[in-house]
């Protein structure tokens, strides 16, 4: 995941690299699961679906990977605080 992110985002900040690596590792885990014969059978039979979720602790946002958008999209909106 790190090598992939560094090659795709060479000018990104350290924080951006971290977030991208975290999300890339989720996608790698999903791909690894999809390669398992028992998972493949259940996916093909429609008995199983896999989801990649990412929780942004700082923003309080829950994101789910969308293959259609090829991105992590919010499923629970971030928490916003009112200015004091």
PDB file of N, CA and C in Angstrom:
ATOM      1  N   UNK A   1       0.829  -1.184   0.000  1.00  0.00           N
ATOM      2  CA  UNK A   1       0.000   0.000   0.000  1.00  0.00           C
ATOM      3  C   UNK A   1       0.879   1.256   0.000  1.00  0.00           C
ATOM      4  N   UNK A   2       1.924   1.237   0.779  1.00  0.00           N
ATOM      5  CA  UNK A   2       2.793   2.419   0.878  1.00  0.00           C
ATOM      6  C   UNK A   2       3.442   2.738  -0.456  1.00  0.00           C
ATOM      7  N   UNK A   3       3.999   1.738  -1.112  1.00  0.00           N
ATOM      8  CA  UNK A   3       4.659   1.962  -2.402  1.00  0.00           C
ATOM      9  C   UNK A   3       3.668   2.484  -3.437  1.00  0.00           C
ATOM     10  N   UNK A   4       2.492   1.921  -3.447  1.00  0.00           N
ATOM     11  CA  UNK A   4       1.450   2.353  -4.375  1.00  0.00           C
ATOM     12  C   UNK A   4       1.109   3.818  -4.133  1.00  0.00           C
ATOM     13  N   UNK A   5       0.913   4.188  -2.893  1.00  0.00           N
ATOM     14  CA  UNK A   5       0.541   5.564  -2.552  1.00  0.00           C
ATOM     15  C   UNK A   5       1.671   6.521  -2.888  1.00  0.00           C
ATOM     16  N   UNK A   6       2.889   6.168  -2.552  1.00  0.00           N
ATOM     17  CA  UNK A   6       4.021   7.058  -2.833  1.00  0.00           C
ATOM     18  C   UNK A   6       4.203   7.275  -4.331  1.00  0.00           C
ATOM     19  N   UNK A   7       3.953   6.243  -5.129  1.00  0.00           N
ATOM     20  CA  UNK A   7       4.112   6.403  -6.578  1.00  0.00           C
ATOM     21  C   UNK A   7       2.962   7.214  -7.188  1.00  0.00           C
ATOM     22  N   UNK A   8       1.764   7.086  -6.612  1.00  0.00           N
ATOM     23  CA  UNK A   8       0.611   7.809  -7.141  1.00  0.00           C
ATOM     24  C   UNK A   8       0.502   9.235  -6.621  1.00  0.00           C
ATOM     25  N   UNK A   9       1.056   9.487  -5.442  1.00  0.00           N
ATOM     26  CA  UNK A   9       0.912  10.790  -4.796  1.00  0.00           C
ATOM     27  C   UNK A   9       2.255  11.301  -4.271  1.00  0.00           C
ATOM     28  N   UNK A  10       3.240  11.476  -5.131  1.00  0.00           N
ATOM     29  CA  UNK A  10       4.574  11.837  -4.642  1.00  0.00           C
ATOM     30  C   UNK A  10       4.648  13.189  -3.935  1.00  0.00           C
ATOM     31  N   UNK A  11       3.807  14.120  -4.278  1.00  0.00           N
ATOM     32  CA  UNK A  11       3.879  15.462  -3.696  1.00  0.00           C
ATOM     33  C   UNK A  11       2.923  15.662  -2.528  1.00  0.00           C
ATOM     34  N   UNK A  12       2.209  14.630  -2.126  1.00  0.00           N
ATOM     35  CA  UNK A  12       1.227  14.766  -1.047  1.00  0.00           C
ATOM     36  C   UNK A  12       1.912  14.945   0.302  1.00  0.00           C
ATOM     37  N   UNK A  13       1.175  15.502   1.231  1.00  0.00           N
ATOM     38  CA  UNK A  13       1.689  15.702   2.592  1.00  0.00           C
ATOM     39  C   UNK A  13       1.725  14.361   3.325  1.00  0.00           C
ATOM     40  N   UNK A  14       2.400  14.348   4.451  1.00  0.00           N
ATOM     41  CA  UNK A  14       2.480  13.135   5.262  1.00  0.00           C
ATOM     42  C   UNK A  14       1.081  12.685   5.696  1.00  0.00           C
ATOM     43  N   UNK A  15       0.236  13.621   6.095  1.00  0.00           N
ATOM     44  CA  UNK A  15      -1.131  13.281   6.511  1.00  0.00           C
ATOM     45  C   UNK A  15      -1.919  12.674   5.354  1.00  0.00           C
ATOM     46  N   UNK A  16      -1.763  13.227   4.161  1.00  0.00           N
ATOM     47  CA  UNK A  16      -2.447  12.680   2.988  1.00  0.00           C
ATOM     48  C   UNK A  16      -1.932  11.288   2.657  1.00  0.00           C
ATOM     49  N   UNK A  17      -0.604  11.085   2.797  1.00  0.00           N
ATOM     50  CA  UNK A  17      -0.032   9.751   2.568  1.00  0.00           C
ATOM     51  C   UNK A  17      -0.596   8.748   3.561  1.00  0.00           C
ATOM     52  N   UNK A  18      -0.673   9.144   4.829  1.00  0.00           N
ATOM     53  CA  UNK A  18      -1.193   8.227   5.855  1.00  0.00           C
ATOM     54  C   UNK A  18      -2.621   7.802   5.536  1.00  0.00           C
ATOM     55  N   UNK A  19      -3.461   8.781   5.246  1.00  0.00           N
ATOM     56  CA  UNK A  19      -4.866   8.476   4.957  1.00  0.00           C
ATOM     57  C   UNK A  19      -4.972   7.575   3.722  1.00  0.00           C
ATOM     58  N   UNK A  20      -4.224   7.887   2.679  1.00  0.00           N
ATOM     59  CA  UNK A  20      -4.257   7.085   1.457  1.00  0.00           C
ATOM     60  C   UNK A  20      -3.750   5.665   1.715  1.00  0.00           C
ATOM     61  N   UNK A  21      -2.733   5.521   2.545  1.00  0.00           N
ATOM     62  CA  UNK A  21      -2.214   4.189   2.880  1.00  0.00           C
ATOM     63  C   UNK A  21      -3.245   3.392   3.675  1.00  0.00           C
ATOM     64  N   UNK A  22      -3.913   4.045   4.608  1.00  0.00           N
ATOM     65  CA  UNK A  22      -4.944   3.367   5.385  1.00  0.00           C
ATOM     66  C   UNK A  22      -6.051   2.855   4.465  1.00  0.00           C
ATOM     67  N   UNK A  23      -6.485   3.695   3.548  1.00  0.00           N
ATOM     68  CA  UNK A  23      -7.554   3.298   2.640  1.00  0.00           C
ATOM     69  C   UNK A  23      -7.079   2.249   1.642  1.00  0.00           C
ATOM     70  N   UNK A  24      -5.854   2.379   1.157  1.00  0.00           N
ATOM     71  CA  UNK A  24      -5.314   1.379   0.223  1.00  0.00           C
ATOM     72  C   UNK A  24      -5.198   0.016   0.890  1.00  0.00           C
ATOM     73  N   UNK A  25      -4.851  -0.008   2.171  1.00  0.00           N
ATOM     74  CA  UNK A  25      -4.730  -1.298   2.863  1.00  0.00           C
ATOM     75  C   UNK A  25      -6.092  -1.978   2.994  1.00  0.00           C
ATOM     76  N   UNK A  26      -7.157  -1.196   3.128  1.00  0.00           N
ATOM     77  CA  UNK A  26      -8.508  -1.769   3.159  1.00  0.00           C
ATOM     78  C   UNK A  26      -8.818  -2.443   1.824  1.00  0.00           C
ATOM     79  N   UNK A  27      -8.476  -1.760   0.729  1.00  0.00           N
ATOM     80  CA  UNK A  27      -8.742  -2.324  -0.607  1.00  0.00           C
ATOM     81  C   UNK A  27      -7.898  -3.570  -0.864  1.00  0.00           C
ATOM     82  N   UNK A  28      -6.664  -3.562  -0.414  1.00  0.00           N
ATOM     83  CA  UNK A  28      -5.806  -4.744  -0.560  1.00  0.00           C
ATOM     84  C   UNK A  28      -6.396  -5.912   0.221  1.00  0.00           C
ATOM     85  N   UNK A  29      -6.893  -5.647   1.421  1.00  0.00           N
ATOM     86  CA  UNK A  29      -7.518  -6.705   2.225  1.00  0.00           C
ATOM     87  C   UNK A  29      -8.748  -7.273   1.529  1.00  0.00           C
ATOM     88  N   UNK A  30      -9.565  -6.400   0.934  1.00  0.00           N
ATOM     89  CA  UNK A  30     -10.730  -6.875   0.199  1.00  0.00           C
ATOM     90  C   UNK A  30     -10.322  -7.768  -0.970  1.00  0.00           C
ATOM     91  N   UNK A  31      -9.317  -7.344  -1.726  1.00  0.00           N
ATOM     92  CA  UNK A  31      -8.848  -8.142  -2.877  1.00  0.00           C
ATOM     93  C   UNK A  31      -8.315  -9.494  -2.417  1.00  0.00           C
ATOM     94  N   UNK A  32      -7.600  -9.509  -1.287  1.00  0.00           N
ATOM     95  CA  UNK A  32      -7.082 -10.774  -0.753  1.00  0.00           C
ATOM     96  C   UNK A  32      -8.225 -11.700  -0.348  1.00  0.00           C
ATOM     97  N   UNK A  33      -9.245 -11.155   0.280  1.00  0.00           N
ATOM     98  CA  UNK A  33     -10.402 -11.968   0.648  1.00  0.00           C
ATOM     99  C   UNK A  33     -11.092 -12.540  -0.582  1.00  0.00           C
ATOM    100  N   UNK A  34     -11.225 -11.714  -1.618  1.00  0.00           N
ATOM    101  CA  UNK A  34     -11.904 -12.154  -2.847  1.00  0.00           C
ATOM    102  C   UNK A  34     -11.184 -13.305  -3.532  1.00  0.00           C
ATOM    103  N   UNK A  35      -9.920 -13.498  -3.241  1.00  0.00           N
ATOM    104  CA  UNK A  35      -9.144 -14.584  -3.862  1.00  0.00           C
ATOM    105  C   UNK A  35      -9.332 -15.934  -3.168  1.00  0.00           C
ATOM    106  N   UNK A  36      -9.876 -15.923  -1.977  1.00  0.00           N
ATOM    107  CA  UNK A  36     -10.075 -17.178  -1.252  1.00  0.00           C
ATOM    108  C   UNK A  36     -11.211 -17.971  -1.905  1.00  0.00           C
ATOM    109  N   UNK A  37     -10.980 -19.254  -2.206  1.00  0.00           N
ATOM    110  CA  UNK A  37     -12.001 -20.053  -2.879  1.00  0.00           C
ATOM    111  C   UNK A  37     -13.345 -20.069  -2.146  1.00  0.00           C
ATOM    112  N   UNK A  38     -13.328 -20.179  -0.824  1.00  0.00           N
ATOM    113  CA  UNK A  38     -14.600 -20.234  -0.082  1.00  0.00           C
ATOM    114  C   UNK A  38     -15.334 -18.891  -0.175  1.00  0.00           C
ATOM    115  N   UNK A  39     -14.609 -17.800  -0.224  1.00  0.00           N
ATOM    116  CA  UNK A  39     -15.225 -16.479  -0.369  1.00  0.00           C
ATOM    117  C   UNK A  39     -15.741 -16.313  -1.799  1.00  0.00           C
ATOM    118  N   UNK A  40     -14.948 -16.753  -2.781  1.00  0.00           N
ATOM    119  CA  UNK A  40     -15.377 -16.670  -4.184  1.00  0.00           C
ATOM    120  C   UNK A  40     -16.697 -17.394  -4.398  1.00  0.00           C
ATOM    121  N   UNK A  41     -16.813 -18.599  -3.830  1.00  0.00           N
ATOM    122  CA  UNK A  41     -18.049 -19.386  -3.993  1.00  0.00           C
ATOM    123  C   UNK A  41     -19.249 -18.649  -3.406  1.00  0.00           C
ATOM    124  N   UNK A  42     -19.082 -18.105  -2.211  1.00  0.00           N
ATOM    125  CA  UNK A  42     -20.184 -17.401  -1.551  1.00  0.00           C
ATOM    126  C   UNK A  42     -20.546 -16.110  -2.281  1.00  0.00           C
ATOM    127  N   UNK A  43     -19.541 -15.413  -2.811  1.00  0.00           N
ATOM    128  CA  UNK A  43     -19.813 -14.200  -3.580  1.00  0.00           C
ATOM    129  C   UNK A  43     -20.595 -14.528  -4.838  1.00  0.00           C
ATOM    130  N   UNK A  44     -20.159 -15.577  -5.552  1.00  0.00           N
ATOM    131  CA  UNK A  44     -20.829 -15.970  -6.793  1.00  0.00           C
ATOM    132  C   UNK A  44     -22.252 -16.461  -6.544  1.00  0.00           C
ATOM    133  N   UNK A  45     -22.469 -17.078  -5.397  1.00  0.00           N
ATOM    134  CA  UNK A  45     -23.803 -17.578  -5.064  1.00  0.00           C
ATOM    135  C   UNK A  45     -24.715 -16.462  -4.553  1.00  0.00           C
ATOM    136  N   UNK A  46     -24.138 -15.317  -4.289  1.00  0.00           N
ATOM    137  CA  UNK A  46     -24.921 -14.204  -3.762  1.00  0.00           C
ATOM    138  C   UNK A  46     -25.185 -14.300  -2.270  1.00  0.00           C
ATOM    139  N   UNK A  47     -24.447 -15.183  -1.598  1.00  0.00           N
ATOM    140  CA  UNK A  47     -24.617 -15.376  -0.154  1.00  0.00           C
ATOM    141  C   UNK A  47     -23.731 -14.458   0.682  1.00  0.00           C
ATOM    142  N   UNK A  48     -22.870 -13.697   0.031  1.00  0.00           N
ATOM    143  CA  UNK A  48     -21.903 -12.890   0.758  1.00  0.00           C
ATOM    144  C   UNK A  48     -21.611 -11.613  -0.024  1.00  0.00           C
ATOM    145  N   UNK A  49     -21.488 -10.544   0.675  1.00  0.00           N
ATOM    146  CA  UNK A  49     -20.981  -9.302   0.084  1.00  0.00           C
ATOM    147  C   UNK A  49     -19.883  -8.779   0.989  1.00  0.00           C
ATOM    148  N   UNK A  50     -18.910  -8.164   0.389  1.00  0.00           N
ATOM    149  CA  UNK A  50     -17.787  -7.597   1.142  1.00  0.00           C
ATOM    150  C   UNK A  50     -17.882  -6.076   1.093  1.00  0.00           C
ATOM    151  N   UNK A  51     -17.528  -5.457   2.187  1.00  0.00           N
ATOM    152  CA  UNK A  51     -17.564  -4.005   2.280  1.00  0.00           C
ATOM    153  C   UNK A  51     -16.261  -3.509   2.876  1.00  0.00           C
ATOM    154  N   UNK A  52     -15.777  -2.395   2.362  1.00  0.00           N
ATOM    155  CA  UNK A  52     -14.591  -1.750   2.919  1.00  0.00           C
ATOM    156  C   UNK A  52     -14.997  -0.427   3.541  1.00  0.00           C
ATOM    157  N   UNK A  53     -14.910  -0.334   4.855  1.00  0.00           N
ATOM    158  CA  UNK A  53     -15.288   0.873   5.562  1.00  0.00           C
ATOM    159  C   UNK A  53     -14.057   1.524   6.175  1.00  0.00           C
ATOM    160  N   UNK A  54     -14.090   2.839   6.208  1.00  0.00           N
ATOM    161  CA  UNK A  54     -12.996   3.630   6.785  1.00  0.00           C
ATOM    162  C   UNK A  54     -13.596   4.640   7.746  1.00  0.00           C
ATOM    163  N   UNK A  55     -13.118   4.646   8.974  1.00  0.00           N
ATOM    164  CA  UNK A  55     -13.605   5.618   9.952  1.00  0.00           C
ATOM    165  C   UNK A  55     -12.558   6.701  10.132  1.00  0.00           C
ATOM    166  N   UNK A  56     -12.948   7.917   9.821  1.00  0.00           N
ATOM    167  CA  UNK A  56     -12.092   9.084  10.006  1.00  0.00           C
ATOM    168  C   UNK A  56     -12.337   9.593  11.420  1.00  0.00           C
ATOM    169  N   UNK A  57     -11.448   9.243  12.324  1.00  0.00           N
ATOM    170  CA  UNK A  57     -11.619   9.550  13.737  1.00  0.00           C
ATOM    171  C   UNK A  57     -11.636  11.053  13.994  1.00  0.00           C
ATOM    172  N   UNK A  58     -10.811  11.796  13.285  1.00  0.00           N
ATOM    173  CA  UNK A  58     -10.729  13.243  13.493  1.00  0.00           C
ATOM    174  C   UNK A  58     -12.032  13.920  13.086  1.00  0.00           C
ATOM    175  N   UNK A  59     -12.552  13.579  11.927  1.00  0.00           N
ATOM    176  CA  UNK A  59     -13.774  14.205  11.422  1.00  0.00           C
ATOM    177  C   UNK A  59     -15.042  13.546  11.957  1.00  0.00           C
ATOM    178  N   UNK A  60     -14.903  12.350  12.518  1.00  0.00           N
ATOM    179  CA  UNK A  60     -16.077  11.619  12.976  1.00  0.00           C
ATOM    180  C   UNK A  60     -16.925  11.130  11.818  1.00  0.00           C
ATOM    181  N   UNK A  61     -16.281  10.761  10.716  1.00  0.00           N
ATOM    182  CA  UNK A  61     -17.002  10.347   9.514  1.00  0.00           C
ATOM    183  C   UNK A  61     -16.749   8.874   9.223  1.00  0.00           C
ATOM    184  N   UNK A  62     -17.807   8.174   8.839  1.00  0.00           N
ATOM    185  CA  UNK A  62     -17.696   6.790   8.409  1.00  0.00           C
ATOM    186  C   UNK A  62     -17.859   6.771   6.898  1.00  0.00           C
ATOM    187  N   UNK A  63     -16.871   6.195   6.217  1.00  0.00           N
ATOM    188  CA  UNK A  63     -16.889   6.143   4.761  1.00  0.00           C
ATOM    189  C   UNK A  63     -16.887   4.689   4.304  1.00  0.00           C
ATOM    190  N   UNK A  64     -17.553   4.432   3.200  1.00  0.00           N
ATOM    191  CA  UNK A  64     -17.595   3.096   2.603  1.00  0.00           C
ATOM    192  C   UNK A  64     -17.014   3.178   1.203  1.00  0.00           C
ATOM    193  N   UNK A  65     -16.262   2.169   0.823  1.00  0.00           N
ATOM    194  CA  UNK A  65     -15.688   2.151  -0.516  1.00  0.00           C
ATOM    195  C   UNK A  65     -16.780   1.870  -1.541  1.00  0.00           C
ATOM    196  N   UNK A  66     -16.801   2.700  -2.582  1.00  0.00           N
ATOM    197  CA  UNK A  66     -17.711   2.515  -3.708  1.00  0.00           C
ATOM    198  C   UNK A  66     -16.887   2.140  -4.930  1.00  0.00           C
ATOM    199  N   UNK A  67     -17.086   0.930  -5.440  1.00  0.00           N
ATOM    200  CA  UNK A  67     -16.368   0.511  -6.646  1.00  0.00           C
ATOM    201  C   UNK A  67     -16.784   1.366  -7.835  1.00  0.00           C
ATOM    202  N   UNK A  68     -18.043   1.738  -7.878  1.00  0.00           N
ATOM    203  CA  UNK A  68     -18.543   2.562  -8.984  1.00  0.00           C
ATOM    204  C   UNK A  68     -17.821   3.908  -9.031  1.00  0.00           C
ATOM    205  N   UNK A  69     -17.640   4.536  -7.879  1.00  0.00           N
ATOM    206  CA  UNK A  69     -16.958   5.837  -7.812  1.00  0.00           C
ATOM    207  C   UNK A  69     -15.455   5.683  -7.644  1.00  0.00           C
ATOM    208  N   UNK A  70     -15.001   4.464  -7.328  1.00  0.00           N
ATOM    209  CA  UNK A  70     -13.597   4.196  -7.018  1.00  0.00           C
ATOM    210  C   UNK A  70     -13.100   5.168  -5.952  1.00  0.00           C
ATOM    211  N   UNK A  71     -13.892   5.284  -4.896  1.00  0.00           N
ATOM    212  CA  UNK A  71     -13.563   6.214  -3.816  1.00  0.00           C
ATOM    213  C   UNK A  71     -14.291   5.792  -2.548  1.00  0.00           C
ATOM    214  N   UNK A  72     -13.792   6.271  -1.431  1.00  0.00           N
ATOM    215  CA  UNK A  72     -14.478   6.105  -0.162  1.00  0.00           C
ATOM    216  C   UNK A  72     -15.454   7.268  -0.016  1.00  0.00           C
ATOM    217  N   UNK A  73     -16.736   6.948   0.143  1.00  0.00           N
ATOM    218  CA  UNK A  73     -17.780   7.950   0.222  1.00  0.00           C
ATOM    219  C   UNK A  73     -18.423   7.909   1.608  1.00  0.00           C
ATOM    220  N   UNK A  74     -18.832   9.067   2.125  1.00  0.00           N
ATOM    221  CA  UNK A  74     -19.415   9.094   3.469  1.00  0.00           C
ATOM    222  C   UNK A  74     -20.758   8.370   3.529  1.00  0.00           C
ATOM    223  N   UNK A  75     -20.901   7.561   4.569  1.00  0.00           N
ATOM    224  CA  UNK A  75     -22.201   6.953   4.844  1.00  0.00           C
ATOM    225  C   UNK A  75     -22.755   7.514   6.150  1.00  0.00           C
ATOM    226  N   UNK A  76     -21.886   8.057   6.970  1.00  0.00           N
ATOM    227  CA  UNK A  76     -22.278   8.816   8.145  1.00  0.00           C
ATOM    228  C   UNK A  76     -21.520  10.120   8.070  1.00  0.00           C
ATOM    229  N   UNK A  77     -22.246  11.213   8.019  1.00  0.00           N
ATOM    230  CA  UNK A  77     -21.624  12.520   7.832  1.00  0.00           C
ATOM    231  C   UNK A  77     -20.708  12.889   8.993  1.00  0.00           C
ATOM    232  N   UNK A  78     -19.689  13.680   8.690  1.00  0.00           N
ATOM    233  CA  UNK A  78     -18.774  14.131   9.744  1.00  0.00           C
ATOM    234  C   UNK A  78     -19.508  14.938  10.815  1.00  0.00           C
ATOM    235  N   UNK A  79     -18.934  14.927  11.986  1.00  0.00           N
ATOM    236  CA  UNK A  79     -19.453  15.742  13.080  1.00  0.00           C
ATOM    237  C   UNK A  79     -18.923  17.151  12.923  1.00  0.00           C
ATOM    238  N   UNK A  80     -19.801  18.100  12.987  1.00  0.00           N
ATOM    239  CA  UNK A  80     -19.374  19.494  12.916  1.00  0.00           C
ATOM    240  C   UNK A  80     -19.703  20.157  14.237  1.00  0.00           C
ATOM    241  N   UNK A  81     -18.806  20.957  14.720  1.00  0.00           N
ATOM    242  CA  UNK A  81     -19.058  21.677  15.961  1.00  0.00           C
ATOM    243  C   UNK A  81     -19.291  23.131  15.653  1.00  0.00           C
ATOM    244  N   UNK A  82     -20.162  23.715  16.408  1.00  0.00           N
ATOM    245  CA  UNK A  82     -20.456  25.137  16.260  1.00  0.00           C
ATOM    246  C   UNK A  82     -19.305  25.950  16.849  1.00  0.00           C
ATOM    247  N   UNK A  83     -18.948  27.050  16.205  1.00  0.00           N
ATOM    248  CA  UNK A  83     -17.897  27.893  16.781  1.00  0.00           C
ATOM    249  C   UNK A  83     -18.321  28.424  18.148  1.00  0.00           C
ATOM    250  N   UNK A  84     -17.367  28.542  19.026  1.00  0.00           N
ATOM    251  CA  UNK A  84     -17.654  28.999  20.405  1.00  0.00           C
ATOM    252  C   UNK A  84     -17.888  30.492  20.457  1.00  0.00           C
TER     253      UNK A  84
END
